[in-house]
């Protein structure tokens, strides 16, 4: 299950993010989104959990919790929007 994690602080690392979710189960992959040029965090990322049940437990427990003076947004990741396609 892939989770979106938003409203992260700029100092959060992928390791910190993985450690936050490992107490809920096996973390397969962590991706912290950064600016292409500056490499500074865009304050959101994705965590892929091995099991759906573990992912839902993480959402239930972590959404709205305060981490370094920020309230986390944790929800199931949605597929990327492909945008509008012109009919011609």
PDB file of N, CA and C in Angstrom:
ATOM      1  N   UNK A   1       0.852  -1.177   0.000  1.00  0.00           N
ATOM      2  CA  UNK A   1       0.000   0.000   0.000  1.00  0.00           C
ATOM      3  C   UNK A   1       0.893   1.234   0.000  1.00  0.00           C
ATOM      4  N   UNK A   2       0.607   2.161  -0.888  1.00  0.00           N
ATOM      5  CA  UNK A   2       1.397   3.377  -0.986  1.00  0.00           C
ATOM      6  C   UNK A   2       0.683   4.507  -0.255  1.00  0.00           C
ATOM      7  N   UNK A   3       1.407   5.186   0.632  1.00  0.00           N
ATOM      8  CA  UNK A   3       0.850   6.270   1.442  1.00  0.00           C
ATOM      9  C   UNK A   3       1.474   7.600   1.062  1.00  0.00           C
ATOM     10  N   UNK A   4       0.661   8.626   1.042  1.00  0.00           N
ATOM     11  CA  UNK A   4       1.133  10.002   0.881  1.00  0.00           C
ATOM     12  C   UNK A   4       1.346  10.567   2.278  1.00  0.00           C
ATOM     13  N   UNK A   5       2.487  11.222   2.489  1.00  0.00           N
ATOM     14  CA  UNK A   5       2.773  11.844   3.781  1.00  0.00           C
ATOM     15  C   UNK A   5       3.123  13.298   3.509  1.00  0.00           C
ATOM     16  N   UNK A   6       2.301  14.208   3.999  1.00  0.00           N
ATOM     17  CA  UNK A   6       2.493  15.623   3.732  1.00  0.00           C
ATOM     18  C   UNK A   6       2.711  16.442   4.985  1.00  0.00           C
ATOM     19  N   UNK A   7       3.068  17.712   4.756  1.00  0.00           N
ATOM     20  CA  UNK A   7       3.340  18.693   5.805  1.00  0.00           C
ATOM     21  C   UNK A   7       4.536  18.285   6.665  1.00  0.00           C
ATOM     22  N   UNK A   8       5.545  17.721   6.007  1.00  0.00           N
ATOM     23  CA  UNK A   8       6.784  17.350   6.700  1.00  0.00           C
ATOM     24  C   UNK A   8       7.652  18.587   6.895  1.00  0.00           C
ATOM     25  N   UNK A   9       8.526  18.543   7.876  1.00  0.00           N
ATOM     26  CA  UNK A   9       9.462  19.647   8.071  1.00  0.00           C
ATOM     27  C   UNK A   9      10.613  19.499   7.064  1.00  0.00           C
ATOM     28  N   UNK A  10      11.296  20.603   6.792  1.00  0.00           N
ATOM     29  CA  UNK A  10      12.387  20.599   5.813  1.00  0.00           C
ATOM     30  C   UNK A  10      13.553  19.705   6.215  1.00  0.00           C
ATOM     31  N   UNK A  11      13.712  19.469   7.501  1.00  0.00           N
ATOM     32  CA  UNK A  11      14.858  18.688   7.975  1.00  0.00           C
ATOM     33  C   UNK A  11      14.615  17.185   7.975  1.00  0.00           C
ATOM     34  N   UNK A  12      13.387  16.757   7.677  1.00  0.00           N
ATOM     35  CA  UNK A  12      13.051  15.332   7.674  1.00  0.00           C
ATOM     36  C   UNK A  12      13.805  14.625   6.550  1.00  0.00           C
ATOM     37  N   UNK A  13      14.406  13.479   6.869  1.00  0.00           N
ATOM     38  CA  UNK A  13      15.118  12.679   5.876  1.00  0.00           C
ATOM     39  C   UNK A  13      14.313  11.421   5.562  1.00  0.00           C
ATOM     40  N   UNK A  14      14.713  10.717   4.499  1.00  0.00           N
ATOM     41  CA  UNK A  14      14.042   9.465   4.157  1.00  0.00           C
ATOM     42  C   UNK A  14      14.199   8.440   5.277  1.00  0.00           C
ATOM     43  N   UNK A  15      15.339   8.438   5.942  1.00  0.00           N
ATOM     44  CA  UNK A  15      15.566   7.535   7.064  1.00  0.00           C
ATOM     45  C   UNK A  15      14.618   7.861   8.213  1.00  0.00           C
ATOM     46  N   UNK A  16      14.456   9.148   8.520  1.00  0.00           N
ATOM     47  CA  UNK A  16      13.524   9.565   9.575  1.00  0.00           C
ATOM     48  C   UNK A  16      12.101   9.125   9.246  1.00  0.00           C
ATOM     49  N   UNK A  17      11.721   9.297   7.981  1.00  0.00           N
ATOM     50  CA  UNK A  17      10.386   8.926   7.544  1.00  0.00           C
ATOM     51  C   UNK A  17      10.177   7.415   7.638  1.00  0.00           C
ATOM     52  N   UNK A  18      11.175   6.650   7.226  1.00  0.00           N
ATOM     53  CA  UNK A  18      11.086   5.186   7.322  1.00  0.00           C
ATOM     54  C   UNK A  18      10.967   4.751   8.778  1.00  0.00           C
ATOM     55  N   UNK A  19      11.761   5.353   9.660  1.00  0.00           N
ATOM     56  CA  UNK A  19      11.720   5.005  11.084  1.00  0.00           C
ATOM     57  C   UNK A  19      10.356   5.302  11.704  1.00  0.00           C
ATOM     58  N   UNK A  20       9.702   6.350  11.223  1.00  0.00           N
ATOM     59  CA  UNK A  20       8.388   6.713  11.729  1.00  0.00           C
ATOM     60  C   UNK A  20       7.354   5.639  11.411  1.00  0.00           C
ATOM     61  N   UNK A  21       7.491   4.980  10.261  1.00  0.00           N
ATOM     62  CA  UNK A  21       6.495   4.005   9.819  1.00  0.00           C
ATOM     63  C   UNK A  21       6.850   2.556  10.137  1.00  0.00           C
ATOM     64  N   UNK A  22       8.083   2.252  10.481  1.00  0.00           N
ATOM     65  CA  UNK A  22       8.459   0.854  10.729  1.00  0.00           C
ATOM     66  C   UNK A  22       7.769   0.256  11.945  1.00  0.00           C
ATOM     67  N   UNK A  23       7.312   1.083  12.855  1.00  0.00           N
ATOM     68  CA  UNK A  23       6.598   0.533  14.011  1.00  0.00           C
ATOM     69  C   UNK A  23       5.224  -0.021  13.623  1.00  0.00           C
ATOM     70  N   UNK A  24       4.765   0.286  12.406  1.00  0.00           N
ATOM     71  CA  UNK A  24       3.474  -0.215  11.926  1.00  0.00           C
ATOM     72  C   UNK A  24       3.601  -1.419  11.013  1.00  0.00           C
ATOM     73  N   UNK A  25       4.824  -1.758  10.643  1.00  0.00           N
ATOM     74  CA  UNK A  25       5.026  -2.919   9.785  1.00  0.00           C
ATOM     75  C   UNK A  25       6.209  -2.730   8.859  1.00  0.00           C
ATOM     76  N   UNK A  26       6.291  -3.587   7.886  1.00  0.00           N
ATOM     77  CA  UNK A  26       7.407  -3.594   6.953  1.00  0.00           C
ATOM     78  C   UNK A  26       7.281  -2.462   5.933  1.00  0.00           C
ATOM     79  N   UNK A  27       8.293  -1.610   5.890  1.00  0.00           N
ATOM     80  CA  UNK A  27       8.336  -0.511   4.924  1.00  0.00           C
ATOM     81  C   UNK A  27       9.163  -0.972   3.736  1.00  0.00           C
ATOM     82  N   UNK A  28       8.551  -0.989   2.560  1.00  0.00           N
ATOM     83  CA  UNK A  28       9.238  -1.444   1.361  1.00  0.00           C
ATOM     84  C   UNK A  28      10.051  -0.345   0.693  1.00  0.00           C
ATOM     85  N   UNK A  29       9.497   0.874   0.695  1.00  0.00           N
ATOM     86  CA  UNK A  29      10.164   1.968  -0.010  1.00  0.00           C
ATOM     87  C   UNK A  29       9.737   3.306   0.579  1.00  0.00           C
ATOM     88  N   UNK A  30      10.678   4.238   0.617  1.00  0.00           N
ATOM     89  CA  UNK A  30      10.401   5.596   1.072  1.00  0.00           C
ATOM     90  C   UNK A  30      10.957   6.554   0.031  1.00  0.00           C
ATOM     91  N   UNK A  31      10.163   7.548  -0.309  1.00  0.00           N
ATOM     92  CA  UNK A  31      10.591   8.535  -1.288  1.00  0.00           C
ATOM     93  C   UNK A  31      10.219   9.920  -0.789  1.00  0.00           C
ATOM     94  N   UNK A  32      11.218  10.741  -0.520  1.00  0.00           N
ATOM     95  CA  UNK A  32      11.001  12.115  -0.096  1.00  0.00           C
ATOM     96  C   UNK A  32      11.166  12.994  -1.336  1.00  0.00           C
ATOM     97  N   UNK A  33      10.190  13.809  -1.652  1.00  0.00           N
ATOM     98  CA  UNK A  33      10.199  14.611  -2.872  1.00  0.00           C
ATOM     99  C   UNK A  33      11.001  15.892  -2.633  1.00  0.00           C
ATOM    100  N   UNK A  34      11.951  16.151  -3.532  1.00  0.00           N
ATOM    101  CA  UNK A  34      12.823  17.315  -3.410  1.00  0.00           C
ATOM    102  C   UNK A  34      12.771  18.149  -4.691  1.00  0.00           C
ATOM    103  N   UNK A  35      13.151  19.408  -4.572  1.00  0.00           N
ATOM    104  CA  UNK A  35      13.231  20.301  -5.719  1.00  0.00           C
ATOM    105  C   UNK A  35      14.361  19.847  -6.643  1.00  0.00           C
ATOM    106  N   UNK A  36      14.116  19.874  -7.930  1.00  0.00           N
ATOM    107  CA  UNK A  36      15.084  19.378  -8.912  1.00  0.00           C
ATOM    108  C   UNK A  36      16.399  20.149  -8.852  1.00  0.00           C
ATOM    109  N   UNK A  37      16.339  21.472  -8.692  1.00  0.00           N
ATOM    110  CA  UNK A  37      17.547  22.300  -8.738  1.00  0.00           C
ATOM    111  C   UNK A  37      18.219  22.476  -7.378  1.00  0.00           C
ATOM    112  N   UNK A  38      17.429  22.761  -6.351  1.00  0.00           N
ATOM    113  CA  UNK A  38      18.023  23.048  -5.042  1.00  0.00           C
ATOM    114  C   UNK A  38      18.193  21.825  -4.169  1.00  0.00           C
ATOM    115  N   UNK A  39      17.502  20.725  -4.509  1.00  0.00           N
ATOM    116  CA  UNK A  39      17.500  19.480  -3.720  1.00  0.00           C
ATOM    117  C   UNK A  39      16.895  19.666  -2.332  1.00  0.00           C
ATOM    118  N   UNK A  40      16.210  20.801  -2.112  1.00  0.00           N
ATOM    119  CA  UNK A  40      15.534  21.035  -0.845  1.00  0.00           C
ATOM    120  C   UNK A  40      14.207  20.283  -0.845  1.00  0.00           C
ATOM    121  N   UNK A  41      13.833  19.790   0.314  1.00  0.00           N
ATOM    122  CA  UNK A  41      12.595  19.034   0.457  1.00  0.00           C
ATOM    123  C   UNK A  41      11.394  19.889   0.082  1.00  0.00           C
ATOM    124  N   UNK A  42      10.422  19.253  -0.577  1.00  0.00           N
ATOM    125  CA  UNK A  42       9.150  19.914  -0.870  1.00  0.00           C
ATOM    126  C   UNK A  42       8.126  19.611   0.225  1.00  0.00           C
ATOM    127  N   UNK A  43       8.579  19.022   1.303  1.00  0.00           N
ATOM    128  CA  UNK A  43       7.784  18.763   2.510  1.00  0.00           C
ATOM    129  C   UNK A  43       6.693  17.713   2.328  1.00  0.00           C
ATOM    130  N   UNK A  44       6.886  16.802   1.370  1.00  0.00           N
ATOM    131  CA  UNK A  44       5.995  15.664   1.269  1.00  0.00           C
ATOM    132  C   UNK A  44       6.742  14.496   0.662  1.00  0.00           C
ATOM    133  N   UNK A  45       6.175  13.317   0.851  1.00  0.00           N
ATOM    134  CA  UNK A  45       6.816  12.121   0.329  1.00  0.00           C
ATOM    135  C   UNK A  45       5.841  10.963   0.298  1.00  0.00           C
ATOM    136  N   UNK A  46       6.379   9.798  -0.033  1.00  0.00           N
ATOM    137  CA  UNK A  46       5.567   8.590  -0.144  1.00  0.00           C
ATOM    138  C   UNK A  46       6.234   7.458   0.617  1.00  0.00           C
ATOM    139  N   UNK A  47       5.415   6.635   1.248  1.00  0.00           N
ATOM    140  CA  UNK A  47       5.892   5.461   1.967  1.00  0.00           C
ATOM    141  C   UNK A  47       5.100   4.268   1.450  1.00  0.00           C
ATOM    142  N   UNK A  48       5.810   3.225   1.048  1.00  0.00           N
ATOM    143  CA  UNK A  48       5.134   2.019   0.593  1.00  0.00           C
ATOM    144  C   UNK A  48       5.257   0.952   1.665  1.00  0.00           C
ATOM    145  N   UNK A  49       4.081   0.530   2.155  1.00  0.00           N
ATOM    146  CA  UNK A  49       4.016  -0.495   3.196  1.00  0.00           C
ATOM    147  C   UNK A  49       3.774  -1.859   2.538  1.00  0.00           C
ATOM    148  N   UNK A  50       4.234  -2.921   3.182  1.00  0.00           N
ATOM    149  CA  UNK A  50       4.094  -4.262   2.625  1.00  0.00           C
ATOM    150  C   UNK A  50       2.659  -4.770   2.681  1.00  0.00           C
ATOM    151  N   UNK A  51       1.899  -4.294   3.649  1.00  0.00           N
ATOM    152  CA  UNK A  51       0.553  -4.832   3.872  1.00  0.00           C
ATOM    153  C   UNK A  51      -0.459  -3.698   3.989  1.00  0.00           C
ATOM    154  N   UNK A  52      -1.637  -3.879   3.402  1.00  0.00           N
ATOM    155  CA  UNK A  52      -2.698  -2.862   3.468  1.00  0.00           C
ATOM    156  C   UNK A  52      -3.162  -2.590   4.893  1.00  0.00           C
ATOM    157  N   UNK A  53      -3.306  -3.645   5.667  1.00  0.00           N
ATOM    158  CA  UNK A  53      -3.765  -3.485   7.050  1.00  0.00           C
ATOM    159  C   UNK A  53      -2.784  -2.620   7.848  1.00  0.00           C
ATOM    160  N   UNK A  54      -1.494  -2.848   7.657  1.00  0.00           N
ATOM    161  CA  UNK A  54      -0.470  -2.039   8.323  1.00  0.00           C
ATOM    162  C   UNK A  54      -0.545  -0.580   7.869  1.00  0.00           C
ATOM    163  N   UNK A  55      -0.800  -0.389   6.588  1.00  0.00           N
ATOM    164  CA  UNK A  55      -0.931   0.969   6.047  1.00  0.00           C
ATOM    165  C   UNK A  55      -2.106   1.709   6.657  1.00  0.00           C
ATOM    166  N   UNK A  56      -3.243   1.028   6.769  1.00  0.00           N
ATOM    167  CA  UNK A  56      -4.412   1.674   7.375  1.00  0.00           C
ATOM    168  C   UNK A  56      -4.195   1.982   8.852  1.00  0.00           C
ATOM    169  N   UNK A  57      -3.467   1.136   9.540  1.00  0.00           N
ATOM    170  CA  UNK A  57      -3.136   1.406  10.953  1.00  0.00           C
ATOM    171  C   UNK A  57      -2.240   2.642  11.062  1.00  0.00           C
ATOM    172  N   UNK A  58      -1.291   2.770  10.145  1.00  0.00           N
ATOM    173  CA  UNK A  58      -0.402   3.936  10.144  1.00  0.00           C
ATOM    174  C   UNK A  58      -1.194   5.209   9.860  1.00  0.00           C
ATOM    175  N   UNK A  59      -2.124   5.149   8.901  1.00  0.00           N
ATOM    176  CA  UNK A  59      -2.971   6.312   8.594  1.00  0.00           C
ATOM    177  C   UNK A  59      -3.771   6.702   9.827  1.00  0.00           C
ATOM    178  N   UNK A  60      -4.409   5.731  10.445  1.00  0.00           N
ATOM    179  CA  UNK A  60      -5.250   5.980  11.622  1.00  0.00           C
ATOM    180  C   UNK A  60      -4.452   6.642  12.752  1.00  0.00           C
ATOM    181  N   UNK A  61      -3.240   6.147  12.996  1.00  0.00           N
ATOM    182  CA  UNK A  61      -2.469   6.625  14.141  1.00  0.00           C
ATOM    183  C   UNK A  61      -1.640   7.877  13.854  1.00  0.00           C
ATOM    184  N   UNK A  62      -1.152   8.059  12.630  1.00  0.00           N
ATOM    185  CA  UNK A  62      -0.221   9.149  12.352  1.00  0.00           C
ATOM    186  C   UNK A  62      -0.859  10.402  11.764  1.00  0.00           C
ATOM    187  N   UNK A  63      -2.004  10.258  11.090  1.00  0.00           N
ATOM    188  CA  UNK A  63      -2.643  11.434  10.493  1.00  0.00           C
ATOM    189  C   UNK A  63      -3.036  12.417  11.598  1.00  0.00           C
ATOM    190  N   UNK A  64      -2.549  13.645  11.474  1.00  0.00           N
ATOM    191  CA  UNK A  64      -2.869  14.678  12.469  1.00  0.00           C
ATOM    192  C   UNK A  64      -1.932  14.733  13.651  1.00  0.00           C
ATOM    193  N   UNK A  65      -0.950  13.838  13.705  1.00  0.00           N
ATOM    194  CA  UNK A  65       0.007  13.900  14.823  1.00  0.00           C
ATOM    195  C   UNK A  65       1.026  15.003  14.579  1.00  0.00           C
ATOM    196  N   UNK A  66       1.531  15.551  15.655  1.00  0.00           N
ATOM    197  CA  UNK A  66       2.485  16.652  15.570  1.00  0.00           C
ATOM    198  C   UNK A  66       3.912  16.106  15.582  1.00  0.00           C
ATOM    199  N   UNK A  67       4.644  16.400  14.511  1.00  0.00           N
ATOM    200  CA  UNK A  67       6.063  16.039  14.403  1.00  0.00           C
ATOM    201  C   UNK A  67       6.836  17.318  14.129  1.00  0.00           C
ATOM    202  N   UNK A  68       7.687  17.702  15.049  1.00  0.00           N
ATOM    203  CA  UNK A  68       8.495  18.929  14.954  1.00  0.00           C
ATOM    204  C   UNK A  68       7.603  20.122  14.571  1.00  0.00           C
ATOM    205  N   UNK A  69       6.587  20.375  15.362  1.00  0.00           N
ATOM    206  CA  UNK A  69       5.662  21.512  15.225  1.00  0.00           C
ATOM    207  C   UNK A  69       4.874  21.544  13.928  1.00  0.00           C
ATOM    208  N   UNK A  70       4.680  20.393  13.294  1.00  0.00           N
ATOM    209  CA  UNK A  70       3.836  20.318  12.097  1.00  0.00           C
ATOM    210  C   UNK A  70       2.873  19.151  12.245  1.00  0.00           C
ATOM    211  N   UNK A  71       1.633  19.352  11.827  1.00  0.00           N
ATOM    212  CA  UNK A  71       0.647  18.282  11.861  1.00  0.00           C
ATOM    213  C   UNK A  71       0.739  17.479  10.574  1.00  0.00           C
ATOM    214  N   UNK A  72       1.047  16.201  10.709  1.00  0.00           N
ATOM    215  CA  UNK A  72       1.219  15.350   9.538  1.00  0.00           C
ATOM    216  C   UNK A  72      -0.103  15.096   8.823  1.00  0.00           C
ATOM    217  N   UNK A  73      -0.008  14.974   7.502  1.00  0.00           N
ATOM    218  CA  UNK A  73      -1.118  14.526   6.673  1.00  0.00           C
ATOM    219  C   UNK A  73      -0.705  13.163   6.139  1.00  0.00           C
ATOM    220  N   UNK A  74      -1.440  12.141   6.507  1.00  0.00           N
ATOM    221  CA  UNK A  74      -1.135  10.780   6.054  1.00  0.00           C
ATOM    222  C   UNK A  74      -2.413  10.201   5.459  1.00  0.00           C
ATOM    223  N   UNK A  75      -2.324   9.808   4.190  1.00  0.00           N
ATOM    224  CA  UNK A  75      -3.485   9.220   3.521  1.00  0.00           C
ATOM    225  C   UNK A  75      -3.009   8.291   2.417  1.00  0.00           C
ATOM    226  N   UNK A  76      -3.936   7.502   1.914  1.00  0.00           N
ATOM    227  CA  UNK A  76      -3.591   6.590   0.831  1.00  0.00           C
ATOM    228  C   UNK A  76      -3.270   7.407  -0.417  1.00  0.00           C
ATOM    229  N   UNK A  77      -2.163   7.079  -1.060  1.00  0.00           N
ATOM    230  CA  UNK A  77      -1.745   7.803  -2.253  1.00  0.00           C
ATOM    231  C   UNK A  77      -2.699   7.518  -3.400  1.00  0.00           C
ATOM    232  N   UNK A  78      -2.978   8.543  -4.175  1.00  0.00           N
ATOM    233  CA  UNK A  78      -3.848   8.418  -5.340  1.00  0.00           C
ATOM    234  C   UNK A  78      -2.995   8.312  -6.602  1.00  0.00           C
ATOM    235  N   UNK A  79      -3.513   7.663  -7.633  1.00  0.00           N
ATOM    236  CA  UNK A  79      -2.754   7.585  -8.889  1.00  0.00           C
ATOM    237  C   UNK A  79      -2.505   8.976  -9.455  1.00  0.00           C
ATOM    238  N   UNK A  80      -1.404   9.116 -10.143  1.00  0.00           N
ATOM    239  CA  UNK A  80      -1.037  10.387 -10.743  1.00  0.00           C
ATOM    240  C   UNK A  80      -2.072  10.786 -11.796  1.00  0.00           C
ATOM    241  N   UNK A  81      -2.508  12.042 -11.756  1.00  0.00           N
ATOM    242  CA  UNK A  81      -3.473  12.544 -12.717  1.00  0.00           C
ATOM    243  C   UNK A  81      -2.770  12.764 -14.054  1.00  0.00           C
ATOM    244  N   UNK A  82      -3.315  12.200 -15.113  1.00  0.00           N
ATOM    245  CA  UNK A  82      -2.671  12.322 -16.428  1.00  0.00           C
ATOM    246  C   UNK A  82      -3.044  13.630 -17.114  1.00  0.00           C
ATOM    247  N   UNK A  83      -3.953  14.367 -16.560  1.00  0.00           N
ATOM    248  CA  UNK A  83      -4.305  15.670 -17.119  1.00  0.00           C
ATOM    249  C   UNK A  83      -5.381  15.578 -18.187  1.00  0.00           C
ATOM    250  N   UNK A  84      -5.661  16.719 -18.742  1.00  0.00           N
ATOM    251  CA  UNK A  84      -6.716  16.812 -19.753  1.00  0.00           C
ATOM    252  C   UNK A  84      -6.175  16.412 -21.117  1.00  0.00           C
ATOM    253  N   UNK A  85      -6.950  15.648 -21.837  1.00  0.00           N
ATOM    254  CA  UNK A  85      -6.559  15.213 -23.166  1.00  0.00           C
ATOM    255  C   UNK A  85      -7.474  15.881 -24.188  1.00  0.00           C
ATOM    256  N   UNK A  86      -6.906  16.630 -25.116  1.00  0.00           N
ATOM    257  CA  UNK A  86      -7.703  17.298 -26.154  1.00  0.00           C
ATOM    258  C   UNK A  86      -8.339  16.265 -27.077  1.00  0.00           C
ATOM    259  N   UNK A  87      -9.566  16.522 -27.523  1.00  0.00           N
ATOM    260  CA  UNK A  87     -10.253  15.558 -28.381  1.00  0.00           C
ATOM    261  C   UNK A  87      -9.691  15.485 -29.791  1.00  0.00           C
ATOM    262  N   UNK A  88      -8.811  16.395 -30.199  1.00  0.00           N
ATOM    263  CA  UNK A  88      -8.247  16.348 -31.554  1.00  0.00           C
ATOM    264  C   UNK A  88      -6.876  15.857 -31.545  1.00  0.00           C
TER     265      UNK A  88
END
